[in-house]
Amino acid sequence: MKLTLLICLAGVAAASALPQFQDRHPEYTAETLVDEREDRGDGHFRYLFRTSNGINTEKVGTPGSKGQSNMQGSFSYPMPEGGVAEFSYIADENGYQPSSDLLPPTPPHVFRLLEIAAQQRAAGITFD
């Protein structure tokens, strides 16, 4: 009961502070320009979202071979120092695979660890 009351009070405090924050920081206020969503209900979906402050994202999903949702998409946003951060990604049975000029290169030891993991899976070794 006390926790519920505390959460409600925190929500009211945060909501009352929002207009003051937006007045002082108009750069964080944005309008939705595009919000397109499509979900076929069979694992296929698509969405596109764009805002007036330069935040963009889009994603397409399909059913995966192991019951997961495979996704491919991109997102971008303006950086405070200028320019735009752009990322694309694939998420499938091989995991999340992001791509961007802003990401550091993968350290060489990671590739060796992936080889070891593949060998362990092939040998039937699993970890919980």
Protein backbone atom coordinates (compact mmCIF):
# COMPACT_ATOMS: atom_id res chain seq x y z
CA MET A 1 0.00 0.00 0.00
CA LYS A 2 2.75 2.42 0.96
CA LEU A 3 4.71 1.54 -2.17
CA THR A 4 1.67 2.19 -4.37
CA LEU A 5 1.13 5.58 -2.73
CA LEU A 6 4.81 6.45 -3.15
CA ILE A 7 4.72 5.52 -6.85
CA CYS A 8 1.59 7.62 -7.41
CA LEU A 9 3.15 10.63 -5.70
CA ALA A 10 6.32 10.26 -7.78
CA GLY A 11 4.21 10.14 -10.95
CA VAL A 12 2.33 13.32 -10.01
CA ALA A 13 5.59 15.11 -9.21
CA ALA A 14 7.14 14.07 -12.53
CA ALA A 15 4.04 15.11 -14.50
CA SER A 16 3.96 18.53 -12.85
CA ALA A 17 7.64 19.12 -13.66
CA LEU A 18 7.28 18.27 -17.37
CA PRO A 19 5.84 21.62 -18.57
CA GLN A 20 8.61 23.51 -16.74
CA PHE A 21 11.24 21.26 -18.31
CA GLN A 22 9.77 21.77 -21.79
CA ASP A 23 9.76 25.56 -21.32
CA ARG A 24 13.44 25.57 -20.37
CA HIS A 25 14.51 22.97 -22.96
CA PRO A 26 12.48 23.37 -26.17
CA GLU A 27 15.12 21.35 -28.04
CA TYR A 28 13.75 18.24 -26.27
CA THR A 29 10.18 18.92 -27.32
CA ALA A 30 9.08 17.30 -30.57
CA GLU A 31 5.98 16.56 -32.54
CA THR A 32 5.31 13.24 -34.20
CA LEU A 33 5.41 13.75 -37.97
CA VAL A 34 5.00 10.13 -39.11
CA ASP A 35 3.73 7.14 -37.13
CA GLU A 36 2.93 4.21 -39.40
CA ARG A 37 2.36 0.74 -37.96
CA GLU A 38 1.37 -2.51 -39.59
CA ASP A 39 1.06 -5.86 -37.82
CA ARG A 40 -0.37 -8.79 -39.74
CA GLY A 41 -0.66 -10.91 -36.61
CA ASP A 42 1.43 -13.72 -38.09
CA GLY A 43 4.87 -12.43 -37.09
CA HIS A 44 5.17 -9.97 -39.99
CA PHE A 45 5.20 -6.32 -38.94
CA ARG A 46 6.51 -2.95 -40.03
CA TYR A 47 6.71 0.46 -38.46
CA LEU A 48 8.06 3.89 -39.31
CA PHE A 49 8.36 6.78 -36.85
CA ARG A 50 9.65 10.33 -37.44
CA THR A 51 9.64 13.40 -35.20
CA SER A 52 10.11 17.12 -35.78
CA ASN A 53 13.43 17.14 -33.90
CA GLY A 54 15.09 14.66 -36.28
CA ILE A 55 14.55 11.35 -34.51
CA ASN A 56 13.74 8.62 -37.04
CA THR A 57 13.29 4.87 -36.76
CA GLU A 58 11.96 2.10 -38.91
CA LYS A 59 11.73 -1.65 -38.44
CA VAL A 60 10.51 -4.65 -40.41
CA GLY A 61 9.89 -7.99 -38.73
CA THR A 62 9.36 -11.52 -40.00
CA PRO A 63 8.96 -14.87 -38.25
CA GLY A 64 12.26 -16.59 -37.56
CA SER A 65 13.23 -20.21 -38.12
CA LYS A 66 13.39 -20.91 -34.38
CA GLY A 67 10.19 -19.13 -33.33
CA GLN A 68 11.80 -15.75 -32.76
CA SER A 69 11.01 -12.51 -34.54
CA ASN A 70 13.67 -11.55 -37.07
CA MET A 71 14.02 -7.80 -37.38
CA GLN A 72 15.84 -5.43 -39.64
CA GLY A 73 15.80 -1.70 -39.12
CA SER A 74 17.52 1.59 -38.58
CA PHE A 75 17.35 4.64 -36.37
CA SER A 76 18.94 8.07 -36.38
CA TYR A 77 18.99 11.16 -34.22
CA PRO A 78 20.74 14.53 -34.19
CA MET A 79 23.87 14.70 -32.04
CA PRO A 80 24.35 17.63 -29.64
CA GLU A 81 27.71 18.54 -31.23
CA GLY A 82 26.20 18.52 -34.71
CA GLY A 83 25.67 15.88 -37.33
CA VAL A 84 23.38 12.89 -37.22
CA ALA A 85 23.97 9.53 -35.55
CA GLU A 86 22.86 6.74 -37.88
CA PHE A 87 22.54 3.07 -36.98
CA SER A 88 21.20 0.04 -38.82
CA TYR A 89 20.77 -3.45 -37.43
CA ILE A 90 19.68 -7.00 -37.99
CA ALA A 91 18.32 -9.10 -35.13
CA ASP A 92 17.78 -12.77 -35.89
CA GLU A 93 18.82 -16.25 -34.78
CA ASN A 94 22.42 -14.95 -34.83
CA GLY A 95 21.67 -12.19 -32.31
CA TYR A 96 21.64 -8.42 -32.52
CA GLN A 97 24.05 -7.09 -35.15
CA PRO A 98 24.30 -3.29 -35.18
CA SER A 99 26.16 -1.28 -37.77
CA SER A 100 27.29 2.35 -37.59
CA ASP A 101 30.37 4.44 -38.22
CA LEU A 102 30.00 5.54 -34.58
CA LEU A 103 30.51 2.05 -33.13
CA PRO A 104 34.04 0.98 -32.20
CA PRO A 105 35.52 -1.97 -34.09
CA THR A 106 35.00 -5.44 -32.62
CA PRO A 107 38.07 -6.52 -30.61
CA PRO A 108 39.87 -9.54 -32.14
CA HIS A 109 39.37 -11.72 -29.04
CA VAL A 110 35.60 -11.61 -29.53
CA PHE A 111 35.90 -13.59 -32.77
CA ARG A 112 37.92 -16.27 -30.95
CA LEU A 113 35.28 -16.45 -28.20
CA LEU A 114 32.58 -16.91 -30.84
CA GLU A 115 34.58 -19.78 -32.36
CA ILE A 116 34.88 -21.44 -28.95
CA ALA A 117 31.13 -21.06 -28.34
CA ALA A 118 30.36 -22.64 -31.73
CA GLN A 119 32.66 -25.56 -30.92
CA GLN A 120 30.96 -26.05 -27.56
CA ARG A 121 27.51 -26.02 -29.15
CA ALA A 122 28.67 -28.55 -31.76
CA ALA A 123 29.93 -30.79 -28.94
CA GLY A 124 26.53 -30.59 -27.21
CA ILE A 125 27.73 -28.40 -24.34
CA THR A 126 25.05 -26.05 -23.00
CA PHE A 127 25.02 -23.54 -20.19
CA ASP A 128 22.03 -22.41 -18.11
